[in-house]
Amino acid sequence: MSARLVSETVQQTPLVRQNCNFDVAGDLCGYIQSQGDDFDWTQDTGATPSSFTGPSDDVTAGLTGTAGYYMYIETSTPQSRGDVAQLLTPLLQPTAERCLTFYYHMYGSTVGSLNVYKVARGQQTLVWTQQGAQGNQWNYAEIDYDSKDQYQFVFEGVVSRNYGDIGLDHIIMKYGQCSGSTAQCGSSLGMEDGSIPDSSLSASTSKPGNPASAGRLNSANYWSPQDSDQDPWLQVCVCIPVVCISQ
């Protein structure tokens, strides 16, 4: 589904904050509820009203233990399939290479889609999308971008059916390239498929024929320390930043 272009009146708003966690009630950091969509995003704390869908807490709570707020779309009645809610940045100035990062939560039996568009010179470009349930967890996303013209970002939640709430939190726009870190808790990091190389595995000691590199999931071999090793350890260097947010 294509984003509906924002109006000129929406563009004439204060600057958006570059780092927004939505943790102050009523403060959307300069983000704007679209006037041309079907319903609005909702700021909430704790669990969403619907059972078996939506976040149970925000990203701040997972990081610090102190509950904050997040944005989400409530897909229960009166919303219906295909309805769209859009959260917009105001009009932003041209920029060299930057990185947009955010956390999203897509949990439920009938989750629709979350789309991110960049709108510039009346043209809209889909720069990121995710569809369907992605687990009862906050997931991390990042987008490299630049713009020679003034532009806006549009965060668009699309309803599928009633059990498909979608959450959005911790939106950051920073200078430079993204880190490339999209690995999540629950995602494969490479200990079984070999994406993590043997050189990234080390151990306190190893018996002949049972090296540290054999200490992998479902390996035909295994790692074993020397019998004299009183404090055995196996170390794995993932060597990329990995975001883990617990619920």
C-alpha atoms as a PDB file:
ATOM      1  CA  MET A   1       0.000   0.000   0.000  1.00  0.00           C
ATOM      2  CA  SER A   2       1.376   3.411  -0.937  1.00  0.00           C
ATOM      3  CA  ALA A   3       1.746   6.144   1.638  1.00  0.00           C
ATOM      4  CA  ARG A   4      -0.692   9.027   1.323  1.00  0.00           C
ATOM      5  CA  LEU A   5       1.256  12.222   0.792  1.00  0.00           C
ATOM      6  CA  VAL A   6       1.287  14.643   3.701  1.00  0.00           C
ATOM      7  CA  SER A   7      -0.297  18.079   3.374  1.00  0.00           C
ATOM      8  CA  GLU A   8       1.434  21.460   3.302  1.00  0.00           C
ATOM      9  CA  THR A   9      -0.077  22.391   6.676  1.00  0.00           C
ATOM     10  CA  VAL A  10       1.486  19.331   8.299  1.00  0.00           C
ATOM     11  CA  GLN A  11       4.912  20.380   7.042  1.00  0.00           C
ATOM     12  CA  GLN A  12       4.841  23.741   8.850  1.00  0.00           C
ATOM     13  CA  THR A  13       5.575  22.325  12.322  1.00  0.00           C
ATOM     14  CA  PRO A  14       8.485  22.645  14.799  1.00  0.00           C
ATOM     15  CA  LEU A  15      11.619  20.574  14.316  1.00  0.00           C
ATOM     16  CA  VAL A  16      11.538  16.942  15.357  1.00  0.00           C
ATOM     17  CA  ARG A  17      13.964  15.837  18.074  1.00  0.00           C
ATOM     18  CA  GLN A  18      16.714  13.650  16.644  1.00  0.00           C
ATOM     19  CA  ASN A  19      16.580  11.182  19.545  1.00  0.00           C
ATOM     20  CA  CYS A  20      13.069  10.301  20.718  1.00  0.00           C
ATOM     21  CA  ASN A  21      12.001   7.603  23.171  1.00  0.00           C
ATOM     22  CA  PHE A  22       8.449   8.981  23.681  1.00  0.00           C
ATOM     23  CA  ASP A  23       8.957   8.611  27.450  1.00  0.00           C
ATOM     24  CA  VAL A  24       7.190  11.846  28.429  1.00  0.00           C
ATOM     25  CA  ALA A  25       3.406  11.533  28.403  1.00  0.00           C
ATOM     26  CA  GLY A  26       1.866  13.747  25.733  1.00  0.00           C
ATOM     27  CA  ASP A  27       5.247  14.597  24.169  1.00  0.00           C
ATOM     28  CA  LEU A  28       5.697  13.156  20.673  1.00  0.00           C
ATOM     29  CA  CYS A  29       9.087  14.867  20.120  1.00  0.00           C
ATOM     30  CA  GLY A  30       7.724  16.882  17.208  1.00  0.00           C
ATOM     31  CA  TYR A  31       6.304  13.878  15.351  1.00  0.00           C
ATOM     32  CA  ILE A  32       2.930  14.534  13.753  1.00  0.00           C
ATOM     33  CA  GLN A  33      -0.253  12.512  13.435  1.00  0.00           C
ATOM     34  CA  SER A  34      -1.216  12.552   9.758  1.00  0.00           C
ATOM     35  CA  GLN A  35      -4.498  14.229   8.868  1.00  0.00           C
ATOM     36  CA  GLY A  36      -4.955  12.090   5.767  1.00  0.00           C
ATOM     37  CA  ASP A  37      -4.954   8.584   7.252  1.00  0.00           C
ATOM     38  CA  ASP A  38      -7.689   6.451   8.859  1.00  0.00           C
ATOM     39  CA  PHE A  39      -6.756   6.632  12.549  1.00  0.00           C
ATOM     40  CA  ASP A  40      -3.951   7.794  14.856  1.00  0.00           C
ATOM     41  CA  TRP A  41      -0.993   6.217  16.564  1.00  0.00           C
ATOM     42  CA  THR A  42      -1.446   6.006  20.357  1.00  0.00           C
ATOM     43  CA  GLN A  43       1.118   6.777  23.051  1.00  0.00           C
ATOM     44  CA  ASP A  44       1.016   4.133  25.774  1.00  0.00           C
ATOM     45  CA  THR A  45       2.904   2.649  28.708  1.00  0.00           C
ATOM     46  CA  GLY A  46       2.798  -0.945  29.905  1.00  0.00           C
ATOM     47  CA  ALA A  47       0.729  -3.466  27.975  1.00  0.00           C
ATOM     48  CA  THR A  48      -1.740  -2.616  25.228  1.00  0.00           C
ATOM     49  CA  PRO A  49      -5.449  -3.162  26.036  1.00  0.00           C
ATOM     50  CA  SER A  50      -5.790  -6.115  23.659  1.00  0.00           C
ATOM     51  CA  SER A  51      -4.814  -9.602  24.824  1.00  0.00           C
ATOM     52  CA  PHE A  52      -2.241 -11.697  22.937  1.00  0.00           C
ATOM     53  CA  THR A  53      -1.008  -8.802  20.830  1.00  0.00           C
ATOM     54  CA  GLY A  54       1.108  -5.677  21.144  1.00  0.00           C
ATOM     55  CA  PRO A  55       3.971  -4.804  23.518  1.00  0.00           C
ATOM     56  CA  SER A  56       3.810  -5.519  27.243  1.00  0.00           C
ATOM     57  CA  ASP A  57       6.244  -2.669  27.948  1.00  0.00           C
ATOM     58  CA  ASP A  58       8.471  -0.159  26.191  1.00  0.00           C
ATOM     59  CA  VAL A  59      12.139  -0.324  25.188  1.00  0.00           C
ATOM     60  CA  THR A  60      13.234   1.863  28.121  1.00  0.00           C
ATOM     61  CA  ALA A  61      11.799  -0.666  30.581  1.00  0.00           C
ATOM     62  CA  GLY A  62      13.829  -3.425  28.926  1.00  0.00           C
ATOM     63  CA  LEU A  63      17.026  -1.368  29.105  1.00  0.00           C
ATOM     64  CA  THR A  64      16.733   0.253  32.537  1.00  0.00           C
ATOM     65  CA  GLY A  65      13.869  -1.450  34.344  1.00  0.00           C
ATOM     66  CA  THR A  66      11.996   1.864  34.516  1.00  0.00           C
ATOM     67  CA  ALA A  67       8.829   1.965  32.443  1.00  0.00           C
ATOM     68  CA  GLY A  68       8.425   4.675  29.836  1.00  0.00           C
ATOM     69  CA  TYR A  69       6.156   5.178  26.842  1.00  0.00           C
ATOM     70  CA  TYR A  70       5.984   4.023  23.243  1.00  0.00           C
ATOM     71  CA  MET A  71       3.742   4.536  20.216  1.00  0.00           C
ATOM     72  CA  TYR A  72       1.489   1.823  18.829  1.00  0.00           C
ATOM     73  CA  ILE A  73      -1.489   1.216  16.571  1.00  0.00           C
ATOM     74  CA  GLU A  74      -4.548  -0.398  18.156  1.00  0.00           C
ATOM     75  CA  THR A  75      -6.059  -2.740  15.576  1.00  0.00           C
ATOM     76  CA  SER A  76      -9.213  -3.722  17.448  1.00  0.00           C
ATOM     77  CA  THR A  77     -12.671  -2.419  16.468  1.00  0.00           C
ATOM     78  CA  PRO A  78     -13.445   0.149  15.057  1.00  0.00           C
ATOM     79  CA  GLN A  79     -10.334  -0.354  12.908  1.00  0.00           C
ATOM     80  CA  SER A  80     -10.789  -2.646   9.920  1.00  0.00           C
ATOM     81  CA  ARG A  81      -8.541  -4.439   7.466  1.00  0.00           C
ATOM     82  CA  GLY A  82      -6.503  -2.080   5.300  1.00  0.00           C
ATOM     83  CA  ASP A  83      -6.843   0.930   7.606  1.00  0.00           C
ATOM     84  CA  VAL A  84      -3.680   3.023   7.833  1.00  0.00           C
ATOM     85  CA  ALA A  85      -2.147   5.122  10.624  1.00  0.00           C
ATOM     86  CA  GLN A  86       0.753   7.437   9.801  1.00  0.00           C
ATOM     87  CA  LEU A  87       3.228   9.152  12.115  1.00  0.00           C
ATOM     88  CA  LEU A  88       5.277  11.837  10.366  1.00  0.00           C
ATOM     89  CA  THR A  89       8.382  13.878  10.892  1.00  0.00           C
ATOM     90  CA  PRO A  90       8.028  17.555  10.007  1.00  0.00           C
ATOM     91  CA  LEU A  91       9.820  18.756   6.894  1.00  0.00           C
ATOM     92  CA  LEU A  92      13.553  18.116   7.399  1.00  0.00           C
ATOM     93  CA  GLN A  93      16.455  19.909   5.760  1.00  0.00           C
ATOM     94  CA  PRO A  94      18.752  18.367   3.104  1.00  0.00           C
ATOM     95  CA  THR A  95      21.465  16.223   4.619  1.00  0.00           C
ATOM     96  CA  ALA A  96      24.550  14.190   3.819  1.00  0.00           C
ATOM     97  CA  GLU A  97      24.728  10.539   4.841  1.00  0.00           C
ATOM     98  CA  ARG A  98      22.761   9.746   7.977  1.00  0.00           C
ATOM     99  CA  CYS A  99      21.315   6.754   9.808  1.00  0.00           C
ATOM    100  CA  LEU A 100      17.724   6.315  10.988  1.00  0.00           C
ATOM    101  CA  THR A 101      17.289   3.705  13.736  1.00  0.00           C
ATOM    102  CA  PHE A 102      14.205   2.569  15.619  1.00  0.00           C
ATOM    103  CA  TYR A 103      12.650  -0.325  17.501  1.00  0.00           C
ATOM    104  CA  TYR A 104       9.444  -1.998  16.375  1.00  0.00           C
ATOM    105  CA  HIS A 105       7.140  -4.562  17.986  1.00  0.00           C
ATOM    106  CA  MET A 106       4.902  -6.774  15.834  1.00  0.00           C
ATOM    107  CA  TYR A 107       3.187  -9.447  17.887  1.00  0.00           C
ATOM    108  CA  GLY A 108      -0.185 -11.128  17.392  1.00  0.00           C
ATOM    109  CA  SER A 109      -1.934 -13.715  15.256  1.00  0.00           C
ATOM    110  CA  THR A 110      -2.936 -11.267  12.510  1.00  0.00           C
ATOM    111  CA  VAL A 111      -0.250  -8.576  12.306  1.00  0.00           C
ATOM    112  CA  GLY A 112      -0.350  -6.360   9.229  1.00  0.00           C
ATOM    113  CA  SER A 113       2.653  -4.336   8.089  1.00  0.00           C
ATOM    114  CA  LEU A 114       4.905  -1.497   9.183  1.00  0.00           C
ATOM    115  CA  ASN A 115       6.282   0.697   6.410  1.00  0.00           C
ATOM    116  CA  VAL A 116       8.753   3.575   6.443  1.00  0.00           C
ATOM    117  CA  TYR A 117       8.636   6.042   3.557  1.00  0.00           C
ATOM    118  CA  LYS A 118      10.882   8.956   2.702  1.00  0.00           C
ATOM    119  CA  VAL A 119       8.948  11.743   0.979  1.00  0.00           C
ATOM    120  CA  ALA A 120      10.825  14.420  -0.997  1.00  0.00           C
ATOM    121  CA  ARG A 121       9.734  16.773  -3.790  1.00  0.00           C
ATOM    122  CA  GLY A 122       6.307  15.153  -3.815  1.00  0.00           C
ATOM    123  CA  GLN A 123       7.772  11.698  -4.423  1.00  0.00           C
ATOM    124  CA  GLN A 124       7.481   8.888  -1.887  1.00  0.00           C
ATOM    125  CA  THR A 125      10.014   6.079  -1.587  1.00  0.00           C
ATOM    126  CA  LEU A 126       9.547   2.952   0.494  1.00  0.00           C
ATOM    127  CA  VAL A 127      12.837   2.641   2.410  1.00  0.00           C
ATOM    128  CA  TRP A 128      11.906  -0.129   4.864  1.00  0.00           C
ATOM    129  CA  THR A 129       9.042  -2.567   5.425  1.00  0.00           C
ATOM    130  CA  GLN A 130       8.163  -5.503   7.658  1.00  0.00           C
ATOM    131  CA  GLN A 131       5.091  -7.736   7.544  1.00  0.00           C
ATOM    132  CA  GLY A 132       3.499 -10.262   9.860  1.00  0.00           C
ATOM    133  CA  ALA A 133       4.294 -11.331  13.420  1.00  0.00           C
ATOM    134  CA  GLN A 134       7.932 -10.863  14.487  1.00  0.00           C
ATOM    135  CA  GLY A 135       7.733 -12.305  18.001  1.00  0.00           C
ATOM    136  CA  ASN A 136       6.751 -10.865  21.365  1.00  0.00           C
ATOM    137  CA  GLN A 137       9.823  -8.645  21.540  1.00  0.00           C
ATOM    138  CA  TRP A 138      11.184  -5.289  20.469  1.00  0.00           C
ATOM    139  CA  ASN A 139      13.209  -5.637  17.275  1.00  0.00           C
ATOM    140  CA  TYR A 140      15.826  -3.219  15.987  1.00  0.00           C
ATOM    141  CA  ALA A 141      15.982  -1.656  12.521  1.00  0.00           C
ATOM    142  CA  GLU A 142      18.243   0.866  10.834  1.00  0.00           C
ATOM    143  CA  ILE A 143      18.175   2.688   7.501  1.00  0.00           C
ATOM    144  CA  ASP A 144      21.007   4.505   5.715  1.00  0.00           C
ATOM    145  CA  TYR A 145      19.850   7.612   3.869  1.00  0.00           C
ATOM    146  CA  ASP A 146      20.746  11.029   2.515  1.00  0.00           C
ATOM    147  CA  SER A 147      18.758  13.720   0.756  1.00  0.00           C
ATOM    148  CA  LYS A 148      19.588  16.605  -1.565  1.00  0.00           C
ATOM    149  CA  ASP A 149      16.125  18.051  -0.954  1.00  0.00           C
ATOM    150  CA  GLN A 150      13.899  18.748   2.013  1.00  0.00           C
ATOM    151  CA  TYR A 151      12.233  15.527   3.094  1.00  0.00           C
ATOM    152  CA  GLN A 152       9.983  13.767   5.599  1.00  0.00           C
ATOM    153  CA  PHE A 153       9.808  10.272   7.035  1.00  0.00           C
ATOM    154  CA  VAL A 154       6.443   8.533   7.312  1.00  0.00           C
ATOM    155  CA  PHE A 155       5.991   5.621   9.743  1.00  0.00           C
ATOM    156  CA  GLU A 156       2.922   3.786   8.483  1.00  0.00           C
ATOM    157  CA  GLY A 157       1.107   0.997  10.316  1.00  0.00           C
ATOM    158  CA  VAL A 158      -1.353  -1.028   8.246  1.00  0.00           C
ATOM    159  CA  VAL A 159      -4.123  -3.094   9.861  1.00  0.00           C
ATOM    160  CA  SER A 160      -4.636  -6.725   8.878  1.00  0.00           C
ATOM    161  CA  ARG A 161      -7.158  -7.997  11.437  1.00  0.00           C
ATOM    162  CA  ASN A 162      -7.967  -7.373  15.098  1.00  0.00           C
ATOM    163  CA  TYR A 163      -5.001  -9.168  16.705  1.00  0.00           C
ATOM    164  CA  GLY A 164      -2.133  -7.253  15.143  1.00  0.00           C
ATOM    165  CA  ASP A 165      -1.029  -4.270  17.264  1.00  0.00           C
ATOM    166  CA  ILE A 166       2.253  -2.699  16.092  1.00  0.00           C
ATOM    167  CA  GLY A 167       4.608  -0.758  18.395  1.00  0.00           C
ATOM    168  CA  LEU A 168       7.258   1.880  17.620  1.00  0.00           C
ATOM    169  CA  ASP A 169       9.889   3.277  19.995  1.00  0.00           C
ATOM    170  CA  HIS A 170      13.323   4.922  20.342  1.00  0.00           C
ATOM    171  CA  ILE A 171      13.574   6.652  16.957  1.00  0.00           C
ATOM    172  CA  ILE A 172      17.027   8.148  16.367  1.00  0.00           C
ATOM    173  CA  MET A 173      18.454  10.113  13.422  1.00  0.00           C
ATOM    174  CA  LYS A 174      22.238  10.332  13.599  1.00  0.00           C
ATOM    175  CA  TYR A 175      25.088  11.374  11.313  1.00  0.00           C
ATOM    176  CA  GLY A 176      27.169   8.840   9.405  1.00  0.00           C
ATOM    177  CA  GLN A 177      26.557   5.301   8.218  1.00  0.00           C
ATOM    178  CA  CYS A 178      24.548   2.766  10.168  1.00  0.00           C
ATOM    179  CA  SER A 179      26.482   0.088  12.038  1.00  0.00           C
ATOM    180  CA  GLY A 180      24.887  -2.784  10.145  1.00  0.00           C
ATOM    181  CA  SER A 181      23.702  -4.356  13.404  1.00  0.00           C
ATOM    182  CA  THR A 182      20.270  -5.917  12.991  1.00  0.00           C
ATOM    183  CA  ALA A 183      20.843  -9.136  14.936  1.00  0.00           C
ATOM    184  CA  GLN A 184      18.310  -9.756  17.705  1.00  0.00           C
ATOM    185  CA  CYS A 185      17.846 -12.084  20.639  1.00  0.00           C
ATOM    186  CA  GLY A 186      16.364 -15.196  19.079  1.00  0.00           C
ATOM    187  CA  SER A 187      18.102 -14.635  15.739  1.00  0.00           C
ATOM    188  CA  SER A 188      20.865 -16.967  14.574  1.00  0.00           C
ATOM    189  CA  LEU A 189      24.270 -15.381  15.184  1.00  0.00           C
ATOM    190  CA  GLY A 190      26.370 -17.991  13.377  1.00  0.00           C
ATOM    191  CA  MET A 191      27.573 -20.552  15.932  1.00  0.00           C
ATOM    192  CA  GLU A 192      25.901 -23.365  14.026  1.00  0.00           C
ATOM    193  CA  ASP A 193      26.142 -22.308  10.384  1.00  0.00           C
ATOM    194  CA  GLY A 194      29.761 -21.108  10.569  1.00  0.00           C
ATOM    195  CA  SER A 195      29.068 -17.395  10.060  1.00  0.00           C
ATOM    196  CA  ILE A 196      31.160 -16.900  13.190  1.00  0.00           C
ATOM    197  CA  PRO A 197      34.595 -18.160  12.016  1.00  0.00           C
ATOM    198  CA  ASP A 198      36.827 -20.580  13.922  1.00  0.00           C
ATOM    199  CA  SER A 199      39.213 -17.704  14.619  1.00  0.00           C
ATOM    200  CA  SER A 200      36.518 -16.087  16.788  1.00  0.00           C
ATOM    201  CA  LEU A 201      36.419 -19.061  19.178  1.00  0.00           C
ATOM    202  CA  SER A 202      39.028 -19.435  21.916  1.00  0.00           C
ATOM    203  CA  ALA A 203      39.327 -21.467  25.105  1.00  0.00           C
ATOM    204  CA  SER A 204      41.312 -21.672  28.319  1.00  0.00           C
ATOM    205  CA  THR A 205      42.755 -25.038  27.201  1.00  0.00           C
ATOM    206  CA  SER A 206      41.826 -27.766  24.737  1.00  0.00           C
ATOM    207  CA  LYS A 207      42.480 -31.475  24.465  1.00  0.00           C
ATOM    208  CA  PRO A 208      44.062 -32.743  21.236  1.00  0.00           C
ATOM    209  CA  GLY A 209      41.293 -33.314  18.720  1.00  0.00           C
ATOM    210  CA  ASN A 210      38.769 -31.251  20.715  1.00  0.00           C
ATOM    211  CA  PRO A 211      39.658 -27.625  19.904  1.00  0.00           C
ATOM    212  CA  ALA A 212      37.681 -24.511  20.771  1.00  0.00           C
ATOM    213  CA  SER A 213      36.456 -24.330  17.175  1.00  0.00           C
ATOM    214  CA  ALA A 214      34.516 -27.561  17.780  1.00  0.00           C
ATOM    215  CA  GLY A 215      32.408 -25.938  20.492  1.00  0.00           C
ATOM    216  CA  ARG A 216      29.521 -25.191  18.140  1.00  0.00           C
ATOM    217  CA  LEU A 217      25.841 -26.028  18.142  1.00  0.00           C
ATOM    218  CA  ASN A 218      25.135 -29.486  16.690  1.00  0.00           C
ATOM    219  CA  SER A 219      28.804 -30.005  15.830  1.00  0.00           C
ATOM    220  CA  ALA A 220      29.996 -33.512  14.949  1.00  0.00           C
ATOM    221  CA  ASN A 221      32.902 -32.876  17.321  1.00  0.00           C
ATOM    222  CA  TYR A 222      33.058 -31.091  20.679  1.00  0.00           C
ATOM    223  CA  TRP A 223      35.367 -28.880  22.709  1.00  0.00           C
ATOM    224  CA  SER A 224      36.965 -30.360  25.804  1.00  0.00           C
ATOM    225  CA  PRO A 225      39.397 -28.627  28.209  1.00  0.00           C
ATOM    226  CA  GLN A 226      42.514 -30.274  29.581  1.00  0.00           C
ATOM    227  CA  ASP A 227      41.906 -32.425  32.668  1.00  0.00           C
ATOM    228  CA  SER A 228      44.230 -30.161  34.638  1.00  0.00           C
ATOM    229  CA  ASP A 229      42.245 -27.029  33.748  1.00  0.00           C
ATOM    230  CA  GLN A 230      40.668 -25.858  37.026  1.00  0.00           C
ATOM    231  CA  ASP A 231      38.830 -22.914  35.498  1.00  0.00           C
ATOM    232  CA  PRO A 232      37.775 -23.909  31.974  1.00  0.00           C
ATOM    233  CA  TRP A 233      36.121 -21.402  29.673  1.00  0.00           C
ATOM    234  CA  LEU A 234      35.080 -21.106  26.043  1.00  0.00           C
ATOM    235  CA  GLN A 235      34.939 -17.622  24.525  1.00  0.00           C
ATOM    236  CA  VAL A 236      33.053 -16.580  21.396  1.00  0.00           C
ATOM    237  CA  CYS A 237      33.673 -13.213  19.771  1.00  0.00           C
ATOM    238  CA  VAL A 238      30.493 -12.218  17.938  1.00  0.00           C
ATOM    239  CA  CYS A 239      32.414  -9.108  16.839  1.00  0.00           C
ATOM    240  CA  ILE A 240      29.341  -7.071  15.876  1.00  0.00           C
ATOM    241  CA  PRO A 241      26.999  -5.084  18.126  1.00  0.00           C
ATOM    242  CA  VAL A 242      23.931  -7.177  18.989  1.00  0.00           C
ATOM    243  CA  VAL A 243      20.764  -5.651  20.429  1.00  0.00           C
ATOM    244  CA  CYS A 244      19.009  -7.779  23.055  1.00  0.00           C
ATOM    245  CA  ILE A 245      15.841  -6.409  24.637  1.00  0.00           C
ATOM    246  CA  SER A 246      14.064  -8.735  27.059  1.00  0.00           C
ATOM    247  CA  GLN A 247      10.343  -8.644  27.769  1.00  0.00           C
END
